[in-house]
Protein backbone atom coordinates (compact mmCIF):
# COMPACT_ATOMS: atom_id res chain seq x y z
CA MET A 1 12.95 -12.01 -27.93
CA GLU A 2 13.95 -8.84 -26.10
CA SER A 3 16.59 -6.62 -27.65
CA THR A 4 18.98 -6.91 -24.68
CA GLU A 5 18.75 -10.71 -24.75
CA PHE A 6 19.48 -10.69 -28.48
CA LEU A 7 22.52 -8.42 -28.01
CA ASN A 8 23.78 -10.56 -25.14
CA LYS A 9 23.57 -13.69 -27.32
CA ILE A 10 25.43 -12.03 -30.20
CA THR A 11 28.21 -10.62 -28.07
CA ASN A 12 28.33 -13.62 -25.69
CA LYS A 13 28.20 -11.13 -22.87
CA PRO A 14 26.65 -12.49 -19.64
CA ARG A 15 23.18 -11.13 -18.92
CA ASP A 16 22.82 -8.64 -16.08
CA PRO A 17 20.72 -10.36 -13.37
CA PHE A 18 19.34 -6.98 -12.23
CA GLN A 19 17.92 -6.18 -15.66
CA LYS A 20 14.31 -7.36 -15.33
CA ILE A 21 10.99 -7.26 -17.15
CA CYS A 22 8.04 -5.99 -15.10
CA LYS A 23 5.35 -8.67 -14.58
CA TYR A 24 2.52 -6.10 -14.48
CA ARG A 25 0.50 -6.79 -17.61
CA PHE A 26 -0.13 -3.10 -18.37
CA CYS A 27 3.37 -1.75 -17.67
CA GLU A 28 4.46 0.58 -20.44
CA LYS A 29 8.22 0.56 -19.93
CA LYS A 30 8.50 -3.24 -19.37
CA GLU A 31 12.28 -3.33 -18.72
CA PHE A 32 13.72 -1.93 -15.50
CA ASN A 33 16.81 -2.14 -13.32
CA ALA A 34 15.92 -4.03 -10.15
CA ASP A 35 17.24 -3.12 -6.72
CA ARG A 36 17.01 -6.76 -5.59
CA LEU A 37 17.34 -10.08 -7.39
CA ASN A 38 13.85 -11.19 -6.34
CA GLN A 39 12.13 -7.97 -7.49
CA GLU A 40 9.48 -8.71 -10.15
CA TYR A 41 7.80 -5.32 -10.62
CA CYS A 42 9.28 -1.99 -11.56
CA CYS A 43 7.39 -0.18 -8.77
CA TYR A 44 5.19 -0.90 -5.78
CA ASP A 45 2.13 0.50 -7.55
CA HIS A 46 2.39 -2.12 -10.32
CA LYS A 47 2.77 -4.92 -7.79
CA LYS A 48 -0.33 -3.70 -5.92
CA LYS A 49 -2.39 -3.37 -9.13
CA GLU A 50 -1.42 -6.83 -10.37
CA ASN A 51 -2.27 -8.44 -7.01
CA ASN A 52 -5.61 -6.60 -6.91
CA PHE A 53 -6.35 -7.83 -10.43
CA LYS A 54 -5.64 -11.44 -9.42
CA ALA A 55 -7.77 -11.07 -6.26
CA LYS A 56 -10.67 -9.68 -8.30
CA ILE A 57 -10.59 -12.77 -10.54
CA ASP A 58 -10.81 -14.98 -7.41
CA ARG A 59 -13.63 -12.88 -5.91
CA ASP A 60 -15.61 -13.01 -9.15
CA LYS A 61 -15.57 -16.83 -9.01
CA THR A 62 -17.34 -16.90 -5.63
CA LYS A 63 -19.38 -13.69 -5.85
CA ARG A 64 -22.77 -15.35 -6.38
CA ILE A 65 -22.35 -17.85 -3.54
CA ASP A 66 -21.04 -15.17 -1.16
CA PHE A 67 -24.07 -13.02 -1.96
CA TYR A 68 -26.49 -15.80 -0.93
CA ILE A 69 -24.56 -16.70 2.23
CA LYS A 70 -24.46 -13.07 3.37
CA LYS A 71 -28.16 -12.69 2.59
CA ASN A 72 -28.93 -15.83 4.64
CA ARG A 73 -26.90 -14.44 7.54
CA LYS A 74 -28.76 -11.11 7.47
CA ILE A 75 -32.13 -12.88 7.51
CA LEU A 76 -31.12 -15.06 10.49
CA GLU A 77 -29.62 -12.10 12.33
CA LYS A 78 -32.81 -10.06 11.88
CA LYS A 79 -34.99 -12.92 13.16
CA TYR A 80 -32.64 -13.56 16.10
CA LYS A 81 -32.62 -9.89 17.14
CA GLU A 82 -36.43 -9.76 16.90
CA GLY A 83 -36.50 -12.66 19.38
CA LYS A 84 -38.06 -15.00 16.82
CA ILE A 85 -35.95 -18.07 17.52
CA GLU A 86 -38.33 -20.76 16.26
CA VAL A 87 -38.89 -20.44 12.52
CA THR A 88 -40.07 -22.54 9.62
CA LEU A 89 -38.10 -23.02 6.45
CA ASP A 90 -41.06 -21.67 4.45
CA GLU A 91 -40.98 -18.49 6.51
CA LEU A 92 -37.26 -18.03 5.85
CA GLU A 93 -37.53 -18.88 2.16
CA SER A 94 -40.30 -16.30 1.70
CA GLN A 95 -37.68 -13.69 2.66
CA GLY A 96 -35.13 -15.04 0.16
CA PHE A 97 -33.31 -17.54 2.37
CA ILE A 98 -31.61 -20.41 0.52
CA TYR A 99 -30.95 -23.38 2.80
CA ASP A 100 -28.31 -25.03 0.62
CA TYR A 101 -25.76 -22.21 0.87
CA HIS A 102 -23.92 -22.20 4.22
CA THR A 103 -20.40 -21.63 5.55
CA GLU A 104 -20.00 -24.86 7.53
CA THR A 105 -21.81 -27.88 8.88
CA LYS A 106 -20.80 -28.92 12.35
CA LYS A 107 -21.81 -31.86 14.53
CA GLU A 108 -22.75 -30.64 17.97
CA THR A 109 -22.00 -33.54 20.32
CA ASN A 110 -23.84 -31.97 23.29
CA LEU A 111 -27.06 -31.86 21.30
CA ASN A 112 -26.23 -34.85 19.06
CA ILE A 113 -27.27 -32.92 15.96
CA ARG A 114 -25.79 -31.38 12.84
CA VAL A 115 -25.89 -27.58 12.64
CA GLN A 116 -25.57 -25.62 9.43
CA PHE A 117 -23.84 -22.30 10.04
CA TYR A 118 -24.25 -19.04 8.19
CA TYR A 119 -21.22 -17.32 9.71
CA GLU A 120 -22.12 -17.01 13.42
CA TYR A 121 -25.77 -18.09 13.13
CA GLY A 122 -26.85 -21.71 12.91
CA LEU A 123 -30.05 -23.52 12.09
CA VAL A 124 -30.95 -26.41 14.38
CA ARG A 125 -33.74 -28.79 13.37
CA TYR A 126 -35.78 -29.22 16.54
CA ASP A 127 -38.66 -31.32 15.27
CA LYS A 128 -37.53 -34.71 14.01
CA GLU A 129 -40.83 -35.47 12.30
CA SER A 130 -40.94 -32.23 10.35
CA LEU A 131 -37.98 -31.17 8.24
CA ASN A 132 -39.38 -27.64 8.16
CA ASN A 133 -39.06 -26.45 11.80
CA PHE A 134 -35.82 -24.88 13.00
CA LYS A 135 -34.36 -22.91 15.86
CA ILE A 136 -31.88 -20.13 15.20
CA TRP A 137 -28.75 -20.64 17.23
CA LYS A 138 -25.96 -18.11 17.76
CA LYS A 139 -22.36 -19.26 18.03
CA GLN A 140 -20.60 -18.12 21.20
């Protein structure tokens, strides 16, 4: 229990709503006088650091998957820019491509197919007999 809360309980004095405790986990002074009732941090720097800390935790959860998706995109972009539109899955996998990681799967009604996207690049299966042959397709 904080010392001001304890004193307020003993003296039955109402608590000052502007007397706050900083929510930044590494704040050294902890208590501060807020300028607004909804203020949760003693300074902008602590608010920024706390939000960056929370964002880092979220990024760490998806870091491995994001790495593979970005790698897949780079491989498709390189092939597309080289003009190599028709590729085999074996060819892509030899460069580190992982088919299972993608950003979205979309049904293209014009082509009546499902396209797996890796950001703006998609893989379209163009040979129904072989599951290994694809065309690289760029989103417009």
